[in-house]
C-alpha atoms as a PDB file:
ATOM      1  CA  MET A   1       0.528  -6.942   3.117  1.00  0.00           C
ATOM      2  CA  TRP A   2      -1.040  -3.582   3.717  1.00  0.00           C
ATOM      3  CA  ILE A   3      -1.529  -0.608   1.633  1.00  0.00           C
ATOM      4  CA  VAL A   4      -1.877   2.357   3.591  1.00  0.00           C
ATOM      5  CA  ALA A   5      -4.575   4.569   2.081  1.00  0.00           C
ATOM      6  CA  GLY A   6      -4.091   8.351   1.353  1.00  0.00           C
ATOM      7  CA  HIS A   7      -0.497   9.798   1.269  1.00  0.00           C
ATOM      8  CA  THR A   8       2.178   9.955   4.071  1.00  0.00           C
ATOM      9  CA  ASP A   9       5.075  12.530   4.858  1.00  0.00           C
ATOM     10  CA  THR A  10       7.865  10.769   3.195  1.00  0.00           C
ATOM     11  CA  ARG A  11      10.418  12.512   5.679  1.00  0.00           C
ATOM     12  CA  LYS A  12       9.096   9.891   8.413  1.00  0.00           C
ATOM     13  CA  GLY A  13      11.441   6.897   9.284  1.00  0.00           C
ATOM     14  CA  PHE A  14      10.950   3.560  10.985  1.00  0.00           C
ATOM     15  CA  ASP A  15       9.580   5.275  14.355  1.00  0.00           C
ATOM     16  CA  GLY A  16       7.172   7.754  12.567  1.00  0.00           C
ATOM     17  CA  LEU A  17       5.871   5.064  10.403  1.00  0.00           C
ATOM     18  CA  ALA A  18       5.546   2.642  12.953  1.00  0.00           C
ATOM     19  CA  ALA A  19       3.767   4.893  15.367  1.00  0.00           C
ATOM     20  CA  MET A  20       1.270   5.668  12.387  1.00  0.00           C
ATOM     21  CA  ILE A  21       0.477   1.939  11.636  1.00  0.00           C
ATOM     22  CA  GLN A  22      -0.184   1.864  15.692  1.00  0.00           C
ATOM     23  CA  ALA A  23      -2.554   5.001  15.758  1.00  0.00           C
ATOM     24  CA  ALA A  24      -4.164   5.407  12.645  1.00  0.00           C
ATOM     25  CA  LEU A  25      -4.441   1.276  11.341  1.00  0.00           C
ATOM     26  CA  ALA A  26      -4.671   0.050  15.209  1.00  0.00           C
ATOM     27  CA  ALA A  27      -1.876  -2.500  13.827  1.00  0.00           C
ATOM     28  CA  ASN A  28       1.215  -3.939  15.253  1.00  0.00           C
ATOM     29  CA  PRO A  29       4.114  -2.885  12.852  1.00  0.00           C
ATOM     30  CA  PHE A  30       6.233  -5.777  14.631  1.00  0.00           C
ATOM     31  CA  ARG A  31       4.333  -8.608  13.221  1.00  0.00           C
ATOM     32  CA  ASP A  32       4.950 -10.380   9.847  1.00  0.00           C
ATOM     33  CA  HIS A  33       2.974  -7.607   7.920  1.00  0.00           C
ATOM     34  CA  VAL A  34       4.188  -5.384   5.173  1.00  0.00           C
ATOM     35  CA  PHE A  35       3.026  -1.772   5.056  1.00  0.00           C
ATOM     36  CA  VAL A  36       3.119   0.446   1.883  1.00  0.00           C
ATOM     37  CA  PHE A  37       3.051   4.426   2.101  1.00  0.00           C
ATOM     38  CA  ARG A  38       2.876   6.647  -0.763  1.00  0.00           C
ATOM     39  CA  GLY A  39       4.092  10.250  -0.810  1.00  0.00           C
ATOM     40  CA  LYS A  40       1.762  13.199  -1.585  1.00  0.00           C
ATOM     41  CA  ARG A  41       3.254  13.793  -5.093  1.00  0.00           C
ATOM     42  CA  GLY A  42       2.657  10.224  -5.974  1.00  0.00           C
ATOM     43  CA  ASP A  43       6.460   9.690  -6.755  1.00  0.00           C
ATOM     44  CA  ILE A  44       7.772   7.812  -3.501  1.00  0.00           C
ATOM     45  CA  LEU A  45       6.657   4.789  -1.976  1.00  0.00           C
ATOM     46  CA  LYS A  46       7.980   3.366   1.174  1.00  0.00           C
ATOM     47  CA  VAL A  47       7.280  -0.163   2.434  1.00  0.00           C
ATOM     48  CA  LEU A  48       8.074  -0.929   6.315  1.00  0.00           C
ATOM     49  CA  TRP A  49       8.601  -4.612   6.929  1.00  0.00           C
ATOM     50  CA  PHE A  50       9.274  -6.311  10.505  1.00  0.00           C
ATOM     51  CA  ASP A  51      11.272  -9.610   9.795  1.00  0.00           C
ATOM     52  CA  GLY A  52      10.901 -10.861  13.262  1.00  0.00           C
ATOM     53  CA  GLN A  53      14.550  -9.460  14.168  1.00  0.00           C
ATOM     54  CA  GLY A  54      13.984  -5.924  13.303  1.00  0.00           C
ATOM     55  CA  LEU A  55      12.142  -3.206  10.825  1.00  0.00           C
ATOM     56  CA  MET A  56      13.356  -3.031   7.421  1.00  0.00           C
ATOM     57  CA  LEU A  57      12.559   0.389   5.411  1.00  0.00           C
ATOM     58  CA  LEU A  58      12.582   0.358   1.648  1.00  0.00           C
ATOM     59  CA  ALA A  59      12.010   3.470  -0.625  1.00  0.00           C
ATOM     60  CA  ARG A  60      11.413   3.828  -4.379  1.00  0.00           C
ATOM     61  CA  ARG A  61      11.396   7.513  -5.896  1.00  0.00           C
ATOM     62  CA  LEU A  62      10.630   7.691  -9.643  1.00  0.00           C
ATOM     63  CA  GLU A  63      12.339  10.309 -11.863  1.00  0.00           C
ATOM     64  CA  ARG A  64       9.262  10.392 -14.036  1.00  0.00           C
ATOM     65  CA  GLY A  65       5.382   9.498 -13.329  1.00  0.00           C
ATOM     66  CA  ARG A  66       3.384   8.578 -10.458  1.00  0.00           C
ATOM     67  CA  PHE A  67       2.526   5.259  -8.472  1.00  0.00           C
ATOM     68  CA  VAL A  68      -1.057   4.187  -9.014  1.00  0.00           C
ATOM     69  CA  TRP A  69      -2.809   4.377  -5.865  1.00  0.00           C
ATOM     70  CA  PRO A  70      -6.188   3.918  -4.494  1.00  0.00           C
ATOM     71  CA  GLN A  71      -8.660   6.814  -4.407  1.00  0.00           C
ATOM     72  CA  ALA A  72      -9.447   6.130  -0.541  1.00  0.00           C
ATOM     73  CA  THR A  73      -7.987   8.853   1.811  1.00  0.00           C
ATOM     74  CA  SER A  74      -7.864   6.588   4.831  1.00  0.00           C
ATOM     75  CA  GLY A  75      -7.508   3.131   6.516  1.00  0.00           C
ATOM     76  CA  SER A  76      -5.866   0.282   4.538  1.00  0.00           C
ATOM     77  CA  ALA A  77      -6.562  -2.313   1.921  1.00  0.00           C
ATOM     78  CA  SER A  78      -4.558  -5.940   1.892  1.00  0.00           C
ATOM     79  CA  LEU A  79      -2.256  -6.807  -1.083  1.00  0.00           C
ATOM     80  CA  THR A  80      -0.966 -10.219  -2.631  1.00  0.00           C
ATOM     81  CA  LEU A  81       2.735 -10.118  -3.497  1.00  0.00           C
ATOM     82  CA  ALA A  82       1.707 -10.008  -7.316  1.00  0.00           C
ATOM     83  CA  GLN A  83      -0.572  -6.835  -6.708  1.00  0.00           C
ATOM     84  CA  LEU A  84       2.670  -5.209  -4.747  1.00  0.00           C
ATOM     85  CA  SER A  85       4.732  -6.235  -7.744  1.00  0.00           C
ATOM     86  CA  MET A  86       2.258  -4.850 -10.034  1.00  0.00           C
ATOM     87  CA  LEU A  87       2.269  -1.470  -7.893  1.00  0.00           C
ATOM     88  CA  LEU A  88       6.100  -1.026  -7.708  1.00  0.00           C
ATOM     89  CA  ALA A  89       6.582  -1.976 -11.614  1.00  0.00           C
ATOM     90  CA  THR A  90       3.809   0.068 -13.465  1.00  0.00           C
ATOM     91  CA  PRO A  91       4.178   3.886 -12.958  1.00  0.00           C
ATOM     92  CA  GLN A  92       1.710   6.159 -14.243  1.00  0.00           C
ATOM     93  CA  THR A  93       3.302   8.727 -16.751  1.00  0.00           C
ATOM     94  CA  PRO A  94       1.749  11.958 -17.320  1.00  0.00           C
ATOM     95  CA  ALA A  95       0.474  12.816 -20.717  1.00  0.00           C
ATOM     96  CA  ARG A  96       3.018  14.865 -22.612  1.00  0.00           C
END
């Protein structure tokens, strides 16, 4: 699993995200990898995964709070399944 650093235009779909993986990360999106992207505001995550038959695109939008994300602005970092679960389950809520 790979987390894509920085923010991504969340209007991108299958083809746009796959092209971004190829161009920016020099990786093949059609391998058994999972790529995780975060929108600019931090309230949307998209996950692109090739399961051997086709691409799957998952999205999660928070009504409140933001997803915690690395400070890096480019590149990628690998994640374990446990780290991905924590990333998806624990949004950072703003102070009131």
